[in-house]
Amino acid sequence: MNEEAQSPVKTPNKQVFKIVAVLLVIFAVAAILLMLLVQALSQKSERRGAAIEQIGSYAYAAEEASGMKLHALKTKPSNVSLEVISNNVTLADRVGINGGFFYGEALVSMAVVGGKPVNGTKAEYGSGWENMKYARGTLVWDGEADSLSVQVVRQATEVKVKDATRFWAQGGISMSLGDDAGWRAQATAEQAPFPDDERLRSGAVYDDNGFLYLIVSETPGTLESFRAAIKDMLADERLVDGIFLDGDGSSQFLSKEMKLAGDNRPVVQMIRIMK
């Protein structure tokens, strides 16, 4: 009789259990990784904000005033943030305009949100923590007070707000809208670049109801003509003050209604309407 035929078949139970356990561990790890990926994508989407088609918390206007054609976005400063894009504004799929001055990938103008510079750490060159070299007109939104002001400061530590974790500060050059006699001297003291050249211009101003206007010119002009055009266009809005932003090829604008690419150069940072 064949002894091999008489022996019962032995199932390798331990080996089966090991395989099942390994598979369960693999499935569990995969599920955790999938969950983390979904969460990360969700957080990234939240940080990126709504797509341009979903942004509705602004009003668009365009007008030819004092010899310049201007485009403006009117919104509340609570709808706004400052973002690094390292791209042309028209290619960033974000509603808003260009921010302050930059050199290469470094921000020369202040750009701080919630007490943190947008382009690096506080001590890092070009992070946006300061207006480099000069104290300059800086548009500040105090989130606690829900109010706007222009403060001439060098570093973010000089900015005066009620809550140091709830504000944004965008550096530029003082526009001094309430001082027609002295605005030019103040802009000169802040080293405004190329004030008398015919260039594309950008700026941000606000009225006594707390509305913010982000403005970019489609046609070139001097700082003086741009300032006059803004006052002309918004003559009925009881403007309080504002700042000049970076200009020339950096003057860029994007909304559902209009696209202005400047000279198609990338800019480091923009002022963005988030919702």
C-alpha atoms as a PDB file:
ATOM      1  CA  MET A   1       0.000   0.000   0.000  1.00  0.00           C
ATOM      2  CA  ASN A   2       1.235   3.437  -0.846  1.00  0.00           C
ATOM      3  CA  GLU A   3       2.193   5.175   2.419  1.00  0.00           C
ATOM      4  CA  GLU A   4       2.021   8.591   0.793  1.00  0.00           C
ATOM      5  CA  ALA A   5      -1.606   8.012  -0.200  1.00  0.00           C
ATOM      6  CA  GLN A   6      -2.509   7.018   3.373  1.00  0.00           C
ATOM      7  CA  SER A   7      -1.082  10.259   4.962  1.00  0.00           C
ATOM      8  CA  PRO A   8      -3.672  13.054   5.606  1.00  0.00           C
ATOM      9  CA  VAL A   9      -3.211  16.346   3.756  1.00  0.00           C
ATOM     10  CA  LYS A  10      -1.754  18.995   6.103  1.00  0.00           C
ATOM     11  CA  THR A  11      -2.946  22.638   5.561  1.00  0.00           C
ATOM     12  CA  PRO A  12      -0.214  25.163   6.323  1.00  0.00           C
ATOM     13  CA  ASN A  13      -2.451  27.216   8.677  1.00  0.00           C
ATOM     14  CA  LYS A  14       0.346  29.364  10.095  1.00  0.00           C
ATOM     15  CA  GLN A  15       1.484  30.390   6.637  1.00  0.00           C
ATOM     16  CA  VAL A  16      -2.074  31.300   5.598  1.00  0.00           C
ATOM     17  CA  PHE A  17      -2.546  33.378   8.733  1.00  0.00           C
ATOM     18  CA  LYS A  18       0.704  35.216   8.059  1.00  0.00           C
ATOM     19  CA  ILE A  19      -0.335  36.044   4.496  1.00  0.00           C
ATOM     20  CA  VAL A  20      -3.755  37.261   5.623  1.00  0.00           C
ATOM     21  CA  ALA A  21      -2.173  39.382   8.359  1.00  0.00           C
ATOM     22  CA  VAL A  22       0.270  40.956   5.927  1.00  0.00           C
ATOM     23  CA  LEU A  23      -2.533  41.739   3.481  1.00  0.00           C
ATOM     24  CA  LEU A  24      -4.617  43.308   6.242  1.00  0.00           C
ATOM     25  CA  VAL A  25      -1.678  45.485   7.278  1.00  0.00           C
ATOM     26  CA  ILE A  26      -1.105  46.551   3.652  1.00  0.00           C
ATOM     27  CA  PHE A  27      -4.806  47.431   3.228  1.00  0.00           C
ATOM     28  CA  ALA A  28      -4.814  49.358   6.511  1.00  0.00           C
ATOM     29  CA  VAL A  29      -1.702  51.344   5.557  1.00  0.00           C
ATOM     30  CA  ALA A  30      -3.135  52.053   2.104  1.00  0.00           C
ATOM     31  CA  ALA A  31      -6.391  53.267   3.665  1.00  0.00           C
ATOM     32  CA  ILE A  32      -4.508  55.570   6.028  1.00  0.00           C
ATOM     33  CA  LEU A  33      -2.371  56.954   3.202  1.00  0.00           C
ATOM     34  CA  LEU A  34      -5.475  57.532   1.070  1.00  0.00           C
ATOM     35  CA  MET A  35      -7.173  59.346   3.944  1.00  0.00           C
ATOM     36  CA  LEU A  36      -4.102  61.540   4.496  1.00  0.00           C
ATOM     37  CA  LEU A  37      -3.897  62.303   0.769  1.00  0.00           C
ATOM     38  CA  VAL A  38      -7.555  63.327   0.620  1.00  0.00           C
ATOM     39  CA  GLN A  39      -7.096  65.495   3.709  1.00  0.00           C
ATOM     40  CA  ALA A  40      -3.984  67.154   2.272  1.00  0.00           C
ATOM     41  CA  LEU A  41      -5.724  67.861  -1.037  1.00  0.00           C
ATOM     42  CA  SER A  42      -8.700  69.282   0.831  1.00  0.00           C
ATOM     43  CA  GLN A  43      -6.466  71.562   2.917  1.00  0.00           C
ATOM     44  CA  LYS A  44      -4.575  72.638  -0.196  1.00  0.00           C
ATOM     45  CA  SER A  45      -7.858  73.432  -1.906  1.00  0.00           C
ATOM     46  CA  GLU A  46      -8.996  75.467   1.092  1.00  0.00           C
ATOM     47  CA  ARG A  47      -5.717  77.403   1.156  1.00  0.00           C
ATOM     48  CA  ARG A  48      -5.936  78.032  -2.551  1.00  0.00           C
ATOM     49  CA  GLY A  49      -9.456  79.357  -2.170  1.00  0.00           C
ATOM     50  CA  ALA A  50     -12.329  79.350  -4.613  1.00  0.00           C
ATOM     51  CA  ALA A  51     -11.818  79.267  -8.361  1.00  0.00           C
ATOM     52  CA  ILE A  52     -12.107  82.560 -10.208  1.00  0.00           C
ATOM     53  CA  GLU A  53     -15.648  81.752 -11.411  1.00  0.00           C
ATOM     54  CA  GLN A  54     -16.822  81.384  -7.793  1.00  0.00           C
ATOM     55  CA  ILE A  55     -15.473  84.716  -6.548  1.00  0.00           C
ATOM     56  CA  GLY A  56     -18.349  87.141  -6.053  1.00  0.00           C
ATOM     57  CA  SER A  57     -17.460  89.477  -3.196  1.00  0.00           C
ATOM     58  CA  TYR A  58     -16.351  92.384  -5.390  1.00  0.00           C
ATOM     59  CA  ALA A  59     -17.667  94.936  -7.854  1.00  0.00           C
ATOM     60  CA  TYR A  60     -15.794  95.702 -11.064  1.00  0.00           C
ATOM     61  CA  ALA A  61     -15.577  99.125 -12.689  1.00  0.00           C
ATOM     62  CA  ALA A  62     -13.635 100.675 -15.571  1.00  0.00           C
ATOM     63  CA  GLU A  63     -13.380 104.310 -16.540  1.00  0.00           C
ATOM     64  CA  GLU A  64     -11.267 106.763 -18.492  1.00  0.00           C
ATOM     65  CA  ALA A  65     -10.339 109.567 -16.112  1.00  0.00           C
ATOM     66  CA  SER A  66      -7.757 112.355 -16.286  1.00  0.00           C
ATOM     67  CA  GLY A  67      -6.325 110.854 -19.455  1.00  0.00           C
ATOM     68  CA  MET A  68      -5.826 107.325 -18.095  1.00  0.00           C
ATOM     69  CA  LYS A  69      -8.001 104.222 -18.419  1.00  0.00           C
ATOM     70  CA  LEU A  70      -8.412 102.543 -15.047  1.00  0.00           C
ATOM     71  CA  HIS A  71      -9.817  99.211 -13.928  1.00  0.00           C
ATOM     72  CA  ALA A  72     -10.914  98.750 -10.314  1.00  0.00           C
ATOM     73  CA  LEU A  73     -12.134  96.024  -7.966  1.00  0.00           C
ATOM     74  CA  LYS A  74     -14.183  97.182  -4.969  1.00  0.00           C
ATOM     75  CA  THR A  75     -14.393  94.851  -1.960  1.00  0.00           C
ATOM     76  CA  LYS A  76     -14.137  94.648   1.814  1.00  0.00           C
ATOM     77  CA  PRO A  77     -10.604  94.172   3.186  1.00  0.00           C
ATOM     78  CA  SER A  78     -11.806  91.121   5.134  1.00  0.00           C
ATOM     79  CA  ASN A  79     -12.214  89.394   1.742  1.00  0.00           C
ATOM     80  CA  VAL A  80      -8.578  90.025   0.861  1.00  0.00           C
ATOM     81  CA  SER A  81      -5.287  88.266   1.501  1.00  0.00           C
ATOM     82  CA  LEU A  82      -1.711  88.623   0.255  1.00  0.00           C
ATOM     83  CA  GLU A  83      -0.250  85.653  -1.609  1.00  0.00           C
ATOM     84  CA  VAL A  84       2.999  84.601  -3.234  1.00  0.00           C
ATOM     85  CA  ILE A  85       2.310  83.465  -6.797  1.00  0.00           C
ATOM     86  CA  SER A  86       5.680  83.784  -8.627  1.00  0.00           C
ATOM     87  CA  ASN A  87       3.687  84.088 -11.822  1.00  0.00           C
ATOM     88  CA  ASN A  88       1.845  86.616 -13.925  1.00  0.00           C
ATOM     89  CA  VAL A  89      -1.407  87.547 -12.167  1.00  0.00           C
ATOM     90  CA  THR A  90      -3.424  86.676 -15.274  1.00  0.00           C
ATOM     91  CA  LEU A  91      -2.066  83.116 -15.165  1.00  0.00           C
ATOM     92  CA  ALA A  92      -2.629  82.572 -11.445  1.00  0.00           C
ATOM     93  CA  ASP A  93      -6.408  81.902 -11.624  1.00  0.00           C
ATOM     94  CA  ARG A  94      -6.912  84.308  -8.701  1.00  0.00           C
ATOM     95  CA  VAL A  95      -8.969  87.496  -8.664  1.00  0.00           C
ATOM     96  CA  GLY A  96      -6.882  90.531  -7.723  1.00  0.00           C
ATOM     97  CA  ILE A  97      -3.907  92.651  -8.697  1.00  0.00           C
ATOM     98  CA  ASN A  98      -0.134  92.710  -8.290  1.00  0.00           C
ATOM     99  CA  GLY A  99       1.371  93.620  -4.924  1.00  0.00           C
ATOM    100  CA  GLY A 100       4.448  95.604  -3.934  1.00  0.00           C
ATOM    101  CA  PHE A 101       7.998  95.878  -5.230  1.00  0.00           C
ATOM    102  CA  PHE A 102      10.282  92.870  -5.660  1.00  0.00           C
ATOM    103  CA  TYR A 103      13.727  91.945  -6.912  1.00  0.00           C
ATOM    104  CA  GLY A 104      14.120  88.471  -8.410  1.00  0.00           C
ATOM    105  CA  GLU A 105      12.289  86.194  -5.984  1.00  0.00           C
ATOM    106  CA  ALA A 106      12.714  88.581  -3.045  1.00  0.00           C
ATOM    107  CA  LEU A 107      10.010  90.948  -1.836  1.00  0.00           C
ATOM    108  CA  VAL A 108      11.272  94.496  -1.396  1.00  0.00           C
ATOM    109  CA  SER A 109       7.915  95.671  -0.020  1.00  0.00           C
ATOM    110  CA  MET A 110       6.237  94.454   3.145  1.00  0.00           C
ATOM    111  CA  ALA A 111       3.689  91.666   2.729  1.00  0.00           C
ATOM    112  CA  VAL A 112       2.539  90.245   6.063  1.00  0.00           C
ATOM    113  CA  VAL A 113      -0.586  88.232   6.900  1.00  0.00           C
ATOM    114  CA  GLY A 114      -1.511  87.279  10.450  1.00  0.00           C
ATOM    115  CA  GLY A 115       1.835  88.431  11.771  1.00  0.00           C
ATOM    116  CA  LYS A 116       3.836  86.294   9.330  1.00  0.00           C
ATOM    117  CA  PRO A 117       5.653  87.322   6.132  1.00  0.00           C
ATOM    118  CA  VAL A 118       4.216  85.616   3.051  1.00  0.00           C
ATOM    119  CA  ASN A 119       7.522  84.781   1.353  1.00  0.00           C
ATOM    120  CA  GLY A 120       9.587  83.159   4.120  1.00  0.00           C
ATOM    121  CA  THR A 121      10.507  83.700   7.759  1.00  0.00           C
ATOM    122  CA  LYS A 122      10.876  86.986   9.641  1.00  0.00           C
ATOM    123  CA  ALA A 123      14.670  86.970   9.499  1.00  0.00           C
ATOM    124  CA  GLU A 124      14.878  85.846   5.872  1.00  0.00           C
ATOM    125  CA  TYR A 125      15.930  88.221   3.102  1.00  0.00           C
ATOM    126  CA  GLY A 126      13.029  89.105   0.815  1.00  0.00           C
ATOM    127  CA  SER A 127      10.412  87.411   2.979  1.00  0.00           C
ATOM    128  CA  GLY A 128       8.090  90.417   3.017  1.00  0.00           C
ATOM    129  CA  TRP A 129       8.741  91.227   6.677  1.00  0.00           C
ATOM    130  CA  GLU A 130       9.931  94.733   5.852  1.00  0.00           C
ATOM    131  CA  ASN A 131       9.982  97.590   3.408  1.00  0.00           C
ATOM    132  CA  MET A 132      13.647  97.275   2.520  1.00  0.00           C
ATOM    133  CA  LYS A 133      15.914 100.318   3.007  1.00  0.00           C
ATOM    134  CA  TYR A 134      13.127 102.846   3.575  1.00  0.00           C
ATOM    135  CA  ALA A 135      10.092 103.461   5.761  1.00  0.00           C
ATOM    136  CA  ARG A 136       7.276 103.511   3.231  1.00  0.00           C
ATOM    137  CA  GLY A 137       3.526 103.880   3.026  1.00  0.00           C
ATOM    138  CA  THR A 138       1.977 100.546   4.028  1.00  0.00           C
ATOM    139  CA  LEU A 139      -1.717  99.727   3.729  1.00  0.00           C
ATOM    140  CA  VAL A 140      -2.805  97.955   6.906  1.00  0.00           C
ATOM    141  CA  TRP A 141      -6.046  96.122   7.627  1.00  0.00           C
ATOM    142  CA  ASP A 142      -6.690  95.703  11.353  1.00  0.00           C
ATOM    143  CA  GLY A 143      -8.911  92.625  11.556  1.00  0.00           C
ATOM    144  CA  GLU A 144      -9.963  93.222  15.147  1.00  0.00           C
ATOM    145  CA  ALA A 145     -11.122  96.773  14.426  1.00  0.00           C
ATOM    146  CA  ASP A 146     -12.059  95.961  10.802  1.00  0.00           C
ATOM    147  CA  SER A 147     -10.401  99.196   9.705  1.00  0.00           C
ATOM    148  CA  LEU A 148      -7.864 100.311   7.107  1.00  0.00           C
ATOM    149  CA  SER A 149      -5.007 102.776   7.498  1.00  0.00           C
ATOM    150  CA  VAL A 150      -1.802 103.832   5.775  1.00  0.00           C
ATOM    151  CA  GLN A 151       1.186 103.639   8.106  1.00  0.00           C
ATOM    152  CA  VAL A 152       4.695 104.759   7.159  1.00  0.00           C
ATOM    153  CA  VAL A 153       6.849 101.955   8.580  1.00  0.00           C
ATOM    154  CA  ARG A 154      10.018 100.023   7.869  1.00  0.00           C
ATOM    155  CA  GLN A 155       9.371  96.670   9.599  1.00  0.00           C
ATOM    156  CA  ALA A 156       6.270  94.725  10.538  1.00  0.00           C
ATOM    157  CA  THR A 157       7.026  95.189  14.244  1.00  0.00           C
ATOM    158  CA  GLU A 158       6.217  98.894  13.780  1.00  0.00           C
ATOM    159  CA  VAL A 159       2.714  98.249  12.448  1.00  0.00           C
ATOM    160  CA  LYS A 160       0.028  99.299  14.933  1.00  0.00           C
ATOM    161  CA  VAL A 161      -2.985  96.967  15.164  1.00  0.00           C
ATOM    162  CA  LYS A 162      -5.203  95.679  17.981  1.00  0.00           C
ATOM    163  CA  ASP A 163      -4.412  91.998  17.378  1.00  0.00           C
ATOM    164  CA  ALA A 164      -0.935  91.143  16.070  1.00  0.00           C
ATOM    165  CA  THR A 165      -2.193  87.814  14.706  1.00  0.00           C
ATOM    166  CA  ARG A 166      -5.168  89.202  12.805  1.00  0.00           C
ATOM    167  CA  PHE A 167      -4.123  91.729  10.191  1.00  0.00           C
ATOM    168  CA  TRP A 168      -2.512  92.122   6.816  1.00  0.00           C
ATOM    169  CA  ALA A 169      -0.019  94.777   5.730  1.00  0.00           C
ATOM    170  CA  GLN A 170       0.874  95.589   2.121  1.00  0.00           C
ATOM    171  CA  GLY A 171       3.841  97.863   1.518  1.00  0.00           C
ATOM    172  CA  GLY A 172       4.055 100.434  -1.266  1.00  0.00           C
ATOM    173  CA  ILE A 173       4.411 104.224  -1.510  1.00  0.00           C
ATOM    174  CA  SER A 174       2.146 106.708   0.273  1.00  0.00           C
ATOM    175  CA  MET A 175      -0.501 108.253  -1.992  1.00  0.00           C
ATOM    176  CA  SER A 176      -1.458 110.883   0.646  1.00  0.00           C
ATOM    177  CA  LEU A 177      -4.922 111.447  -0.820  1.00  0.00           C
ATOM    178  CA  GLY A 178      -5.777 114.047   1.808  1.00  0.00           C
ATOM    179  CA  ASP A 179      -2.672 116.142   1.143  1.00  0.00           C
ATOM    180  CA  ASP A 180      -2.609 117.506  -2.397  1.00  0.00           C
ATOM    181  CA  ALA A 181       0.115 120.001  -1.498  1.00  0.00           C
ATOM    182  CA  GLY A 182       2.476 117.568   0.225  1.00  0.00           C
ATOM    183  CA  TRP A 183       1.907 114.185  -1.398  1.00  0.00           C
ATOM    184  CA  ARG A 184       4.761 114.559  -3.887  1.00  0.00           C
ATOM    185  CA  ALA A 185       7.289 115.416  -1.160  1.00  0.00           C
ATOM    186  CA  GLN A 186       6.187 112.374   0.839  1.00  0.00           C
ATOM    187  CA  ALA A 187       6.433 110.069  -2.174  1.00  0.00           C
ATOM    188  CA  THR A 188       9.912 111.444  -2.892  1.00  0.00           C
ATOM    189  CA  ALA A 189      10.970 110.844   0.727  1.00  0.00           C
ATOM    190  CA  GLU A 190       9.849 107.224   0.309  1.00  0.00           C
ATOM    191  CA  GLN A 191      11.942 106.899  -2.874  1.00  0.00           C
ATOM    192  CA  ALA A 192       9.055 106.343  -5.275  1.00  0.00           C
ATOM    193  CA  PRO A 193      10.638 104.925  -8.461  1.00  0.00           C
ATOM    194  CA  PHE A 194      10.234 106.727 -11.811  1.00  0.00           C
ATOM    195  CA  PRO A 195       7.498 109.124 -10.655  1.00  0.00           C
ATOM    196  CA  ASP A 196       7.577 111.223 -13.834  1.00  0.00           C
ATOM    197  CA  ASP A 197       7.824 108.421 -16.380  1.00  0.00           C
ATOM    198  CA  GLU A 198       4.811 107.419 -18.459  1.00  0.00           C
ATOM    199  CA  ARG A 199       4.281 103.927 -17.103  1.00  0.00           C
ATOM    200  CA  LEU A 200       1.494 101.514 -16.245  1.00  0.00           C
ATOM    201  CA  ARG A 201       0.451 102.065 -12.622  1.00  0.00           C
ATOM    202  CA  SER A 202      -1.154 100.112  -9.784  1.00  0.00           C
ATOM    203  CA  GLY A 203      -2.553 101.171  -6.425  1.00  0.00           C
ATOM    204  CA  ALA A 204      -4.889 100.410  -3.539  1.00  0.00           C
ATOM    205  CA  VAL A 205      -7.139 103.014  -1.874  1.00  0.00           C
ATOM    206  CA  TYR A 206     -10.017 102.990   0.599  1.00  0.00           C
ATOM    207  CA  ASP A 207     -13.048 105.110   1.463  1.00  0.00           C
ATOM    208  CA  ASP A 208     -14.657 106.229   4.714  1.00  0.00           C
ATOM    209  CA  ASN A 209     -17.092 103.283   4.595  1.00  0.00           C
ATOM    210  CA  GLY A 210     -14.211 100.833   4.803  1.00  0.00           C
ATOM    211  CA  PHE A 211     -14.301  99.644   1.195  1.00  0.00           C
ATOM    212  CA  LEU A 212     -11.032  98.780  -0.529  1.00  0.00           C
ATOM    213  CA  TYR A 213     -10.361  99.565  -4.200  1.00  0.00           C
ATOM    214  CA  LEU A 214      -7.651  97.680  -6.112  1.00  0.00           C
ATOM    215  CA  ILE A 215      -6.776  99.697  -9.203  1.00  0.00           C
ATOM    216  CA  VAL A 216      -4.603  99.091 -12.268  1.00  0.00           C
ATOM    217  CA  SER A 217      -4.187 101.345 -15.296  1.00  0.00           C
ATOM    218  CA  GLU A 218      -4.537 100.040 -18.832  1.00  0.00           C
ATOM    219  CA  THR A 219      -2.758 103.097 -20.211  1.00  0.00           C
ATOM    220  CA  PRO A 220       0.524 104.628 -18.980  1.00  0.00           C
ATOM    221  CA  GLY A 221       0.908 107.790 -16.966  1.00  0.00           C
ATOM    222  CA  THR A 222       2.960 109.502 -14.261  1.00  0.00           C
ATOM    223  CA  LEU A 223       2.371 109.007 -10.552  1.00  0.00           C
ATOM    224  CA  GLU A 224       0.671 112.400 -10.481  1.00  0.00           C
ATOM    225  CA  SER A 225      -1.678 111.593 -13.352  1.00  0.00           C
ATOM    226  CA  PHE A 226      -2.501 108.177 -11.869  1.00  0.00           C
ATOM    227  CA  ARG A 227      -3.304 109.738  -8.495  1.00  0.00           C
ATOM    228  CA  ALA A 228      -5.478 112.366 -10.190  1.00  0.00           C
ATOM    229  CA  ALA A 229      -7.250 109.714 -12.269  1.00  0.00           C
ATOM    230  CA  ILE A 230      -8.083 107.694  -9.140  1.00  0.00           C
ATOM    231  CA  LYS A 231      -9.510 110.777  -7.392  1.00  0.00           C
ATOM    232  CA  ASP A 232     -11.499 111.599 -10.528  1.00  0.00           C
ATOM    233  CA  MET A 233     -12.854 108.081 -11.043  1.00  0.00           C
ATOM    234  CA  LEU A 234     -13.851 107.654  -7.385  1.00  0.00           C
ATOM    235  CA  ALA A 235     -14.879 111.250  -6.713  1.00  0.00           C
ATOM    236  CA  ASP A 236     -18.206 110.166  -5.173  1.00  0.00           C
ATOM    237  CA  GLU A 237     -16.703 107.560  -2.832  1.00  0.00           C
ATOM    238  CA  ARG A 238     -15.209 109.850  -0.144  1.00  0.00           C
ATOM    239  CA  LEU A 239     -11.726 108.384  -0.384  1.00  0.00           C
ATOM    240  CA  VAL A 240      -9.521 108.505   2.720  1.00  0.00           C
ATOM    241  CA  ASP A 241      -6.059 107.335   1.632  1.00  0.00           C
ATOM    242  CA  GLY A 242      -4.102 104.711  -0.249  1.00  0.00           C
ATOM    243  CA  ILE A 243      -0.750 103.557  -1.623  1.00  0.00           C
ATOM    244  CA  PHE A 244       0.971 103.210  -4.948  1.00  0.00           C
ATOM    245  CA  LEU A 245       2.040  99.639  -5.722  1.00  0.00           C
ATOM    246  CA  ASP A 246       4.622  98.289  -8.166  1.00  0.00           C
ATOM    247  CA  GLY A 247       4.040  99.548 -11.686  1.00  0.00           C
ATOM    248  CA  ASP A 248       5.138  99.336 -15.303  1.00  0.00           C
ATOM    249  CA  GLY A 249       5.163  95.700 -16.510  1.00  0.00           C
ATOM    250  CA  SER A 250       4.199  94.529 -13.021  1.00  0.00           C
ATOM    251  CA  SER A 251       0.827  96.309 -13.212  1.00  0.00           C
ATOM    252  CA  GLN A 252      -1.422  93.272 -13.567  1.00  0.00           C
ATOM    253  CA  PHE A 253      -5.129  92.626 -13.007  1.00  0.00           C
ATOM    254  CA  LEU A 254      -7.454  89.631 -13.175  1.00  0.00           C
ATOM    255  CA  SER A 255     -11.182  89.307 -12.649  1.00  0.00           C
ATOM    256  CA  LYS A 256     -14.053  87.622 -14.455  1.00  0.00           C
ATOM    257  CA  GLU A 257     -14.522  90.859 -16.381  1.00  0.00           C
ATOM    258  CA  MET A 258     -10.982  91.918 -17.306  1.00  0.00           C
ATOM    259  CA  LYS A 259      -7.436  90.666 -17.737  1.00  0.00           C
ATOM    260  CA  LEU A 260      -4.351  92.932 -17.783  1.00  0.00           C
ATOM    261  CA  ALA A 261      -1.000  91.172 -18.081  1.00  0.00           C
ATOM    262  CA  GLY A 262       1.394  94.152 -17.946  1.00  0.00           C
ATOM    263  CA  ASP A 263       4.379  93.079 -20.021  1.00  0.00           C
ATOM    264  CA  ASN A 264       3.699  89.384 -19.203  1.00  0.00           C
ATOM    265  CA  ARG A 265       6.448  89.212 -16.562  1.00  0.00           C
ATOM    266  CA  PRO A 266       5.921  87.112 -13.417  1.00  0.00           C
ATOM    267  CA  VAL A 267       5.480  88.930 -10.119  1.00  0.00           C
ATOM    268  CA  VAL A 268       6.317  87.489  -6.707  1.00  0.00           C
ATOM    269  CA  GLN A 269       3.187  88.496  -4.831  1.00  0.00           C
ATOM    270  CA  MET A 270      -0.384  89.634  -5.413  1.00  0.00           C
ATOM    271  CA  ILE A 271      -3.309  91.123  -3.486  1.00  0.00           C
ATOM    272  CA  ARG A 272      -6.040  88.538  -3.810  1.00  0.00           C
ATOM    273  CA  ILE A 273      -9.810  88.606  -3.309  1.00  0.00           C
ATOM    274  CA  MET A 274     -10.532  85.238  -1.698  1.00  0.00           C
ATOM    275  CA  LYS A 275     -14.313  84.804  -1.947  1.00  0.00           C
END
